[in-house]
Amino acid sequence: MRISVIGCGYLGAVHAACMAKLGHEVVGIDVDERKISALSAARAPFFEPGLDELLSDVQGTGRLSFTTDMSKTAGSIVHFICVGTPQKKGENGADLRHVDAAMEALLPHIRPGDLVVGKSTVPVGTASRLADLLSEYQPSAHLVWNPEFLREGHAVKDTLSPDRLVYGVEEGSEDHPAVTILDEVYSGPLADGTPRLVTDHPTAELVKAAANSFLATKISFINAMAEVCEAAGADVTSLADAIGMDDRIGRKFLNAGIGFGGGCLPKDIRAFMARAGELGADQALTFLREVDSINMRRRTRVVELTRELCGGSLLGHRVTVLGAAFKPESDDVRDSPALSIAAQLQLQGAVVTVTDPKALENAAKRFPELQYESDLDTAIAGADTLLLLTEWQQYKELDPFEVSSGVAGLRILDGRNVLDAAKWRAAGWQYRGLGRP
């Protein structure tokens, strides 16, 4: 099947490469010439494990190409819209300019029977509006909403072997002709046992917003428990283990720490709240305001704990922050808690150095005033205090005895609760975790 993918950012580039891997003939389209140039050379403009290798592999087959020319969608039966929906400046709502622009540019090239498939995370009601627009141009074409559920660092696997597929079609009918076409697109994962659910447009749009909101709620819940544990002298890690054994709750996403960040969870829960307010259902989601508040409060708490660790003052204290990306196996620094904390520490007088295996270039664009060092040994040399804020494997595996020889002070704050506290203390370190005695 010939497929076009409109928008070649994180979602689109991964989706285009994976669709080609599944055997389809794919053309990826984006207005950014530099992005297209990089992808055409089998280089992803961002870090995602396995993606460069996948791009090289499928481009070698001739099934994948990239261009800025929208007319190259000609011949495609299915058109995926994969553009970003950032948060509006000064507001909580989602900015749909890129979605609308993609649709408007695509419409003149739609043929009878074509399928336009939205994958971008959008406020409920967007699909219905775009479906009406599509029917005006091409009454026999169809619009489907097919939300993505990618995890950064695992995006290739999540696309090739998703844990579920959701098709949002008019009236949610299994007999809709779009269902048969999408089943052919995803024939590989479906043959491997991926469950598939057909819904109406609004339900499909809400699935991603609801899933992200639930995950954010779970993270903020355990971080709220960390606050209680600190006040009570309890251990939030053991608490999470205990309640996670209840199969109604589960252990995943119950890791207390500095909170969530990235380009999805924070902006998606805010957009969800904003849209619920527009629909008159704002009271149903008021708890998300506290979820967001707890999450942002974690950053302030880390700054407070660092000050305590430094003897009550940050002025002139040399702090090395281990991690800039919002999560490991990614170079994404959007709404990164680690970078936010580093910037706050510097504003309060600390001398901050940030290191990260992949994200320093992006971090320097966001916070050019911070000092960055790619070499780990150089970054920690002479540090008075270490802060582990992104749980890259190489930081989790640090040997406290070896690290001792390169630092000026034996103080470490484990912002992700991933280190062996007993081992670090045995090596002479003053160790602090979050929600741990």
Protein backbone atom coordinates (compact mmCIF):
# COMPACT_ATOMS: atom_id res chain seq x y z
CA MET A 1 0.00 0.00 0.00
CA ARG A 2 1.22 3.52 -0.76
CA ILE A 3 1.13 5.78 2.30
CA SER A 4 1.96 9.43 2.96
CA VAL A 5 2.96 10.80 6.36
CA ILE A 6 2.40 14.53 6.85
CA GLY A 7 4.77 15.93 9.47
CA CYS A 8 8.17 14.35 10.07
CA GLY A 9 8.91 15.33 13.64
CA TYR A 10 9.24 12.77 16.39
CA LEU A 11 5.94 11.02 15.72
CA GLY A 12 5.97 11.31 11.93
CA ALA A 13 9.56 10.22 11.32
CA VAL A 14 9.14 7.13 13.48
CA HIS A 15 5.76 6.31 11.94
CA ALA A 16 7.03 6.70 8.36
CA ALA A 17 10.04 4.46 8.95
CA CYS A 18 7.96 1.81 10.71
CA MET A 19 5.28 1.76 8.01
CA ALA A 20 8.02 1.15 5.44
CA LYS A 21 9.41 -1.61 7.66
CA LEU A 22 5.95 -3.22 7.59
CA GLY A 23 6.24 -3.37 3.80
CA HIS A 24 4.39 -0.27 2.63
CA GLU A 25 5.66 2.34 0.17
CA VAL A 26 5.92 5.53 2.21
CA VAL A 27 6.59 9.19 1.50
CA GLY A 28 7.21 11.51 4.44
CA ILE A 29 6.42 15.20 3.97
CA ASP A 30 7.47 18.20 6.05
CA VAL A 31 7.95 21.94 5.46
CA ASP A 32 11.34 21.91 7.23
CA GLU A 33 13.99 21.38 4.54
CA ARG A 34 16.78 20.64 7.03
CA LYS A 35 14.69 17.94 8.67
CA ILE A 36 13.90 16.39 5.30
CA SER A 37 17.54 16.53 4.27
CA ALA A 38 18.65 14.74 7.44
CA LEU A 39 15.97 12.05 7.17
CA SER A 40 16.78 11.50 3.50
CA ALA A 41 20.36 10.77 4.60
CA ALA A 42 19.03 8.25 7.16
CA ARG A 43 19.78 10.57 10.08
CA ALA A 44 17.02 11.30 12.56
CA PRO A 45 17.01 14.97 13.69
CA PHE A 46 16.56 13.73 17.27
CA PHE A 47 17.81 10.80 19.33
CA GLU A 48 15.65 7.70 19.43
CA PRO A 49 17.28 4.29 19.94
CA GLY A 50 17.26 2.18 16.77
CA LEU A 51 15.74 4.81 14.50
CA ASP A 52 18.84 5.67 12.45
CA GLU A 53 19.43 1.99 11.78
CA LEU A 54 15.79 1.53 10.79
CA LEU A 55 15.89 4.54 8.45
CA SER A 56 18.99 3.18 6.73
CA ASP A 57 17.46 -0.28 6.47
CA VAL A 58 14.16 0.74 4.88
CA GLN A 59 15.63 3.41 2.63
CA GLY A 60 17.86 0.70 1.22
CA THR A 61 14.72 -1.10 0.06
CA GLY A 62 13.47 1.96 -1.84
CA ARG A 63 10.20 1.95 0.10
CA LEU A 64 10.82 5.18 2.03
CA SER A 65 11.43 8.72 0.80
CA PHE A 66 11.13 12.22 2.24
CA THR A 67 10.21 15.49 0.56
CA THR A 68 8.82 18.99 1.11
CA ASP A 69 6.51 18.65 -1.91
CA MET A 70 2.92 17.91 -0.88
CA SER A 71 2.04 16.88 -4.45
CA LYS A 72 4.12 13.72 -3.85
CA THR A 73 1.15 12.40 -1.88
CA ALA A 74 -0.36 11.55 -5.27
CA GLY A 75 -1.03 7.85 -5.47
CA SER A 76 -1.18 7.36 -1.73
CA ILE A 77 -4.30 5.65 -0.43
CA VAL A 78 -3.74 6.53 3.23
CA HIS A 79 -2.49 9.89 4.51
CA PHE A 80 -1.33 10.06 8.14
CA ILE A 81 -1.32 13.47 9.85
CA CYS A 82 1.47 13.41 12.42
CA VAL A 83 2.17 17.08 13.17
CA GLY A 84 2.71 18.55 16.63
CA THR A 85 0.05 20.12 18.85
CA PRO A 86 2.02 22.28 21.31
CA GLN A 87 0.49 24.20 24.17
CA LYS A 88 -0.73 27.68 23.25
CA LYS A 89 1.41 30.50 24.57
CA GLY A 90 -0.14 31.90 27.73
CA GLU A 91 -2.94 29.33 27.70
CA ASN A 92 -3.55 25.70 28.60
CA GLY A 93 -5.24 24.76 25.34
CA ALA A 94 -3.62 22.96 22.42
CA ASP A 95 -2.40 24.94 19.41
CA LEU A 96 -3.94 23.30 16.33
CA ARG A 97 -2.36 25.53 13.69
CA HIS A 98 -0.10 22.76 12.42
CA VAL A 99 -2.97 20.27 12.21
CA ASP A 100 -5.15 22.73 10.30
CA ALA A 101 -2.29 23.73 7.99
CA ALA A 102 -1.50 20.09 7.22
CA MET A 103 -5.13 19.36 6.41
CA GLU A 104 -5.51 22.42 4.19
CA ALA A 105 -2.34 21.59 2.27
CA LEU A 106 -3.41 17.97 1.82
CA LEU A 107 -7.02 18.53 0.71
CA PRO A 108 -6.31 19.44 -2.95
CA HIS A 109 -4.48 16.13 -3.37
CA ILE A 110 -7.15 13.86 -1.86
CA ARG A 111 -8.79 11.42 -4.28
CA PRO A 112 -12.10 9.53 -4.01
CA GLY A 113 -11.89 6.73 -1.44
CA ASP A 114 -8.70 8.01 0.20
CA LEU A 115 -8.23 7.75 3.94
CA VAL A 116 -6.98 10.67 6.06
CA VAL A 117 -5.78 9.33 9.39
CA GLY A 118 -5.07 11.66 12.30
CA LYS A 119 -2.45 10.51 14.79
CA SER A 120 -1.71 13.84 16.48
CA THR A 121 -3.01 14.34 20.02
CA VAL A 122 -5.90 16.78 19.65
CA PRO A 123 -8.79 18.14 21.75
CA VAL A 124 -12.01 16.17 21.43
CA GLY A 125 -14.14 17.58 18.62
CA THR A 126 -11.23 18.17 16.24
CA ALA A 127 -11.84 15.01 14.20
CA SER A 128 -15.50 15.88 13.62
CA ARG A 129 -14.54 19.35 12.42
CA LEU A 130 -11.88 18.01 10.06
CA ALA A 131 -14.23 15.29 8.79
CA ASP A 132 -16.75 17.97 7.78
CA LEU A 133 -13.99 19.88 6.00
CA LEU A 134 -12.85 16.75 4.18
CA SER A 135 -16.37 15.88 3.03
CA GLU A 136 -16.73 19.32 1.42
CA TYR A 137 -13.67 18.68 -0.76
CA GLN A 138 -14.02 14.94 -1.35
CA PRO A 139 -17.32 13.38 -0.15
CA SER A 140 -16.14 9.82 -0.73
CA ALA A 141 -12.93 10.18 1.31
CA HIS A 142 -12.89 9.21 4.98
CA LEU A 143 -11.32 10.60 8.13
CA VAL A 144 -10.17 8.30 10.93
CA TRP A 145 -8.60 9.17 14.27
CA ASN A 146 -5.90 6.67 15.17
CA PRO A 147 -4.14 7.92 18.34
CA GLU A 148 -0.49 7.11 18.98
CA PHE A 149 0.80 5.67 22.25
CA LEU A 150 4.55 6.07 21.83
CA ARG A 151 7.03 6.11 24.69
CA GLU A 152 10.15 8.10 23.94
CA GLY A 153 13.08 5.72 24.00
CA HIS A 154 10.82 2.86 22.87
CA ALA A 155 9.03 4.48 19.92
CA VAL A 156 10.15 2.05 17.21
CA LYS A 157 9.03 -0.98 19.19
CA ASP A 158 5.78 0.74 20.20
CA THR A 159 4.94 1.39 16.54
CA LEU A 160 5.90 -2.01 15.16
CA SER A 161 4.41 -3.91 18.11
CA PRO A 162 1.80 -1.65 19.73
CA ASP A 163 -0.10 -2.79 22.80
CA ARG A 164 -3.37 -1.72 21.13
CA LEU A 165 -4.76 -0.06 18.01
CA VAL A 166 -7.70 2.34 18.18
CA TYR A 167 -9.66 3.40 15.08
CA GLY A 168 -12.06 6.33 15.50
CA VAL A 169 -14.55 6.33 12.59
CA GLU A 170 -17.92 7.91 11.93
CA GLU A 171 -20.50 6.33 14.24
CA GLY A 172 -17.92 3.81 15.49
CA SER A 173 -19.05 1.13 13.06
CA GLU A 174 -17.00 -2.04 12.46
CA ASP A 175 -18.50 -2.09 8.96
CA HIS A 176 -16.99 1.27 8.03
CA PRO A 177 -14.83 0.90 4.87
CA ALA A 178 -11.94 2.68 6.61
CA VAL A 179 -11.63 -0.21 9.07
CA THR A 180 -10.76 -2.66 6.30
CA ILE A 181 -8.12 -0.32 4.88
CA LEU A 182 -6.47 0.31 8.26
CA ASP A 183 -6.53 -3.39 8.99
CA GLU A 184 -4.44 -3.84 5.85
CA VAL A 185 -2.05 -1.07 6.93
CA TYR A 186 -1.56 -2.72 10.31
CA SER A 187 -1.81 -6.33 9.08
CA GLY A 188 1.59 -7.18 10.57
CA PRO A 189 0.87 -6.13 14.18
CA LEU A 190 -2.68 -7.50 13.96
CA ALA A 191 -1.35 -10.88 12.81
CA ASP A 192 0.97 -10.84 15.84
CA GLY A 193 -2.02 -10.47 18.16
CA THR A 194 -2.26 -6.71 18.74
CA PRO A 195 -5.82 -5.99 19.98
CA ARG A 196 -7.85 -3.56 17.92
CA LEU A 197 -10.76 -1.38 19.03
CA VAL A 198 -13.14 0.54 16.76
CA THR A 199 -14.82 3.60 18.31
CA ASP A 200 -16.41 6.85 17.24
CA HIS A 201 -14.34 9.99 16.67
CA PRO A 202 -14.76 11.59 20.13
CA THR A 203 -13.87 8.41 22.00
CA ALA A 204 -10.71 7.87 19.94
CA GLU A 205 -9.62 11.45 20.62
CA LEU A 206 -10.25 11.04 24.35
CA VAL A 207 -8.31 7.78 24.63
CA LYS A 208 -4.88 9.44 24.44
CA ALA A 209 -5.86 12.36 26.68
CA ALA A 210 -7.38 10.01 29.26
CA ALA A 211 -4.39 7.63 29.18
CA ASN A 212 -1.87 10.43 29.68
CA SER A 213 -3.96 11.98 32.42
CA PHE A 214 -4.18 8.66 34.26
CA LEU A 215 -0.41 8.12 34.06
CA ALA A 216 0.23 11.69 35.23
CA THR A 217 -2.19 11.15 38.12
CA LYS A 218 -0.41 7.95 39.15
CA ILE A 219 2.99 9.70 39.14
CA SER A 220 1.71 12.67 41.12
CA PHE A 221 -0.03 10.36 43.58
CA ILE A 222 3.19 8.59 44.53
CA ASN A 223 5.00 11.93 44.70
CA ALA A 224 2.32 13.18 47.09
CA MET A 225 2.94 10.03 49.13
CA ALA A 226 6.65 10.91 49.09
CA GLU A 227 5.80 14.20 50.79
CA VAL A 228 3.85 12.32 53.47
CA CYS A 229 6.68 9.78 53.86
CA GLU A 230 9.22 12.53 54.42
CA ALA A 231 7.03 14.04 57.13
CA ALA A 232 6.41 10.66 58.76
CA GLY A 233 9.89 9.16 58.37
CA ALA A 234 8.62 6.39 56.08
CA ASP A 235 10.13 5.02 52.84
CA VAL A 236 8.12 5.77 49.70
CA THR A 237 9.99 3.13 47.67
CA SER A 238 8.90 0.33 50.01
CA LEU A 239 5.42 1.85 50.12
CA ALA A 240 5.22 1.76 46.31
CA ASP A 241 6.42 -1.84 46.26
CA ALA A 242 3.73 -2.82 48.74
CA ILE A 243 0.77 -1.13 47.07
CA GLY A 244 2.07 -2.11 43.63
CA MET A 245 1.60 -5.78 44.53
CA ASP A 246 -2.14 -5.14 44.40
CA ASP A 247 -3.01 -6.10 40.81
CA ARG A 248 -5.72 -3.43 40.78
CA ILE A 249 -2.96 -0.82 41.17
CA GLY A 250 0.24 -2.26 39.67
CA ARG A 251 3.82 -1.11 40.23
CA LYS A 252 4.41 0.76 36.96
CA PHE A 253 4.54 4.58 37.17
CA LEU A 254 4.78 4.42 40.96
CA ASN A 255 8.35 5.70 41.14
CA ALA A 256 8.61 8.81 43.30
CA GLY A 257 11.06 11.44 42.12
CA ILE A 258 11.31 14.86 40.56
CA GLY A 259 8.11 14.50 38.54
CA PHE A 260 7.21 14.10 34.90
CA GLY A 261 8.12 16.33 31.98
CA GLY A 262 8.57 16.05 28.23
CA GLY A 263 6.49 17.18 25.31
CA CYS A 264 3.38 15.11 26.05
CA LEU A 265 2.16 14.61 29.62
CA PRO A 266 2.34 18.22 30.89
CA LYS A 267 0.79 19.89 27.85
CA ASP A 268 -1.73 17.09 27.25
CA ILE A 269 -3.27 17.21 30.73
CA ARG A 270 -3.48 21.01 30.52
CA ALA A 271 -5.13 20.84 27.10
CA PHE A 272 -7.52 18.19 28.45
CA MET A 273 -8.55 20.51 31.29
CA ALA A 274 -8.98 23.43 28.89
CA ARG A 275 -11.17 21.45 26.51
CA ALA A 276 -13.27 20.03 29.35
CA GLY A 277 -13.93 23.61 30.44
CA GLU A 278 -15.03 24.56 26.92
CA LEU A 279 -17.44 21.62 26.94
CA GLY A 280 -18.86 22.58 30.34
CA ALA A 281 -17.37 19.51 32.04
CA ASP A 282 -14.55 21.29 33.85
CA GLN A 283 -15.61 20.01 37.31
CA ALA A 284 -14.92 16.45 36.14
CA LEU A 285 -11.22 17.21 35.74
CA THR A 286 -10.47 19.63 38.57
CA PHE A 287 -8.24 16.95 40.16
CA LEU A 288 -5.82 17.38 37.23
CA ARG A 289 -4.98 20.86 38.50
CA GLU A 290 -3.65 19.30 41.69
CA VAL A 291 -1.84 16.62 39.64
CA ASP A 292 -0.07 19.41 37.76
CA SER A 293 0.58 21.35 40.97
CA ILE A 294 2.12 18.34 42.76
CA ASN A 295 4.31 17.70 39.74
CA MET A 296 5.67 21.25 39.62
CA ARG A 297 6.14 21.26 43.40
CA ARG A 298 8.65 18.41 43.11
CA ARG A 299 11.13 20.70 41.40
CA THR A 300 11.00 23.22 44.22
CA ARG A 301 11.40 20.40 46.73
CA VAL A 302 14.62 19.21 45.07
CA VAL A 303 16.05 22.72 45.27
CA GLU A 304 15.15 22.85 48.98
CA LEU A 305 16.74 19.46 49.65
CA THR A 306 19.87 20.47 47.76
CA ARG A 307 20.16 23.57 49.91
CA GLU A 308 19.82 21.43 53.04
CA LEU A 309 22.44 19.02 51.70
CA CYS A 310 24.78 21.96 51.10
CA GLY A 311 24.53 23.12 54.70
CA GLY A 312 21.82 25.74 54.28
CA SER A 313 23.29 27.89 51.50
CA LEU A 314 23.78 27.36 47.76
CA LEU A 315 25.97 30.42 47.25
CA GLY A 316 29.19 29.40 45.52
CA HIS A 317 28.44 25.71 45.98
CA ARG A 318 29.57 23.60 43.01
CA VAL A 319 26.72 21.34 41.92
CA THR A 320 26.89 18.80 39.10
CA VAL A 321 23.55 17.73 37.65
CA LEU A 322 23.55 14.25 36.12
CA GLY A 323 20.98 14.36 33.35
CA ALA A 324 19.34 17.03 31.22
CA ALA A 325 16.77 15.05 29.20
CA PHE A 326 13.33 14.61 30.75
CA LYS A 327 13.86 10.83 30.67
CA PRO A 328 16.67 8.41 29.73
CA GLU A 329 17.17 7.16 26.16
CA SER A 330 16.03 10.52 24.79
CA ASP A 331 17.50 13.91 23.90
CA ASP A 332 14.17 15.65 24.55
CA VAL A 333 14.47 18.52 27.04
CA ARG A 334 10.98 19.96 26.65
CA ASP A 335 9.67 20.78 30.12
CA SER A 336 12.58 18.82 31.58
CA PRO A 337 12.42 18.79 35.41
CA ALA A 338 16.19 18.28 35.53
CA LEU A 339 16.94 21.44 33.55
CA SER A 340 14.35 23.45 35.45
CA ILE A 341 15.99 22.43 38.74
CA ALA A 342 19.48 23.21 37.41
CA ALA A 343 18.36 26.70 36.37
CA GLN A 344 16.73 27.36 39.76
CA LEU A 345 19.88 26.27 41.59
CA GLN A 346 22.00 28.62 39.51
CA LEU A 347 19.61 31.52 40.13
CA GLN A 348 20.05 30.91 43.86
CA GLY A 349 23.83 31.17 43.66
CA ALA A 350 25.07 27.66 42.99
CA VAL A 351 27.78 27.02 40.39
CA VAL A 352 26.02 24.45 38.23
CA THR A 353 27.43 22.04 35.66
CA VAL A 354 25.06 19.83 33.67
CA THR A 355 26.04 16.60 31.93
CA ASP A 356 24.01 14.18 29.79
CA PRO A 357 24.87 11.48 27.22
CA LYS A 358 22.61 12.82 24.47
CA ALA A 359 20.71 16.00 25.38
CA LEU A 360 23.34 18.72 25.90
CA GLU A 361 22.90 20.35 22.50
CA ASN A 362 19.16 20.73 23.00
CA ALA A 363 19.66 21.78 26.62
CA ALA A 364 22.04 24.57 25.61
CA LYS A 365 19.38 25.98 23.29
CA ARG A 366 16.82 26.06 26.11
CA PHE A 367 19.11 27.27 28.90
CA PRO A 368 22.22 28.84 27.33
CA GLU A 369 23.21 30.38 30.68
CA LEU A 370 24.02 26.99 32.22
CA GLN A 371 27.42 25.32 31.98
CA TYR A 372 27.52 22.00 30.12
CA GLU A 373 30.09 19.22 30.04
CA SER A 374 29.74 16.05 27.96
CA ASP A 375 32.53 14.10 29.68
CA LEU A 376 31.22 12.63 32.92
CA ASP A 377 34.55 12.52 34.75
CA THR A 378 35.24 16.16 33.90
CA ALA A 379 31.70 17.18 34.88
CA ILE A 380 31.96 15.74 38.39
CA ALA A 381 35.55 16.76 39.04
CA GLY A 382 35.66 19.10 42.03
CA ALA A 383 31.91 19.01 42.63
CA ASP A 384 30.65 19.68 46.14
CA THR A 385 27.33 17.93 45.48
CA LEU A 386 25.97 15.58 42.82
CA LEU A 387 22.31 15.50 41.73
CA LEU A 388 21.08 12.48 39.80
CA LEU A 389 18.05 13.86 37.97
CA THR A 390 17.75 11.68 34.84
CA GLU A 391 18.16 7.95 35.38
CA TRP A 392 20.51 7.08 32.52
CA GLN A 393 21.96 3.60 33.03
CA GLN A 394 25.52 4.90 33.32
CA TYR A 395 24.51 7.09 36.25
CA LYS A 396 22.66 4.25 37.97
CA GLU A 397 25.79 2.12 37.69
CA LEU A 398 28.21 4.67 39.18
CA ASP A 399 30.54 3.21 41.79
CA PRO A 400 30.46 5.49 44.86
CA PHE A 401 33.97 4.41 45.88
CA GLU A 402 35.43 5.32 42.47
CA VAL A 403 33.51 8.59 42.23
CA SER A 404 34.78 9.66 45.66
CA SER A 405 38.27 10.35 44.35
CA GLY A 406 37.13 12.95 41.82
CA VAL A 407 34.77 15.15 43.85
CA ALA A 408 35.30 17.80 46.50
CA GLY A 409 32.34 16.79 48.67
CA LEU A 410 30.67 13.46 49.30
CA ARG A 411 27.06 14.57 48.91
CA ILE A 412 24.52 13.13 46.49
CA LEU A 413 20.82 13.71 45.97
CA ASP A 414 19.11 10.85 44.16
CA GLY A 415 16.21 12.55 42.42
CA ARG A 416 14.96 9.29 40.90
CA ASN A 417 15.46 6.93 43.87
CA VAL A 418 17.45 4.52 41.69
CA LEU A 419 20.71 4.26 43.66
CA ASP A 420 21.56 1.81 46.42
CA ALA A 421 21.44 4.14 49.42
CA ALA A 422 23.24 1.69 51.72
CA LYS A 423 26.11 1.28 49.27
CA TRP A 424 26.61 5.02 48.84
CA ARG A 425 26.47 5.63 52.59
CA ALA A 426 28.94 2.81 53.19
CA ALA A 427 31.32 4.63 50.84
CA GLY A 428 31.10 7.71 53.06
CA TRP A 429 28.56 9.68 51.07
CA GLN A 430 25.80 11.80 52.54
CA TYR A 431 22.88 10.37 50.55
CA ARG A 432 19.41 11.89 50.17
CA GLY A 433 16.52 10.38 48.25
CA LEU A 434 13.00 11.69 47.76
CA GLY A 435 10.48 10.35 50.25
CA ARG A 436 13.11 8.11 51.79
CA PRO A 437 14.50 8.33 55.36
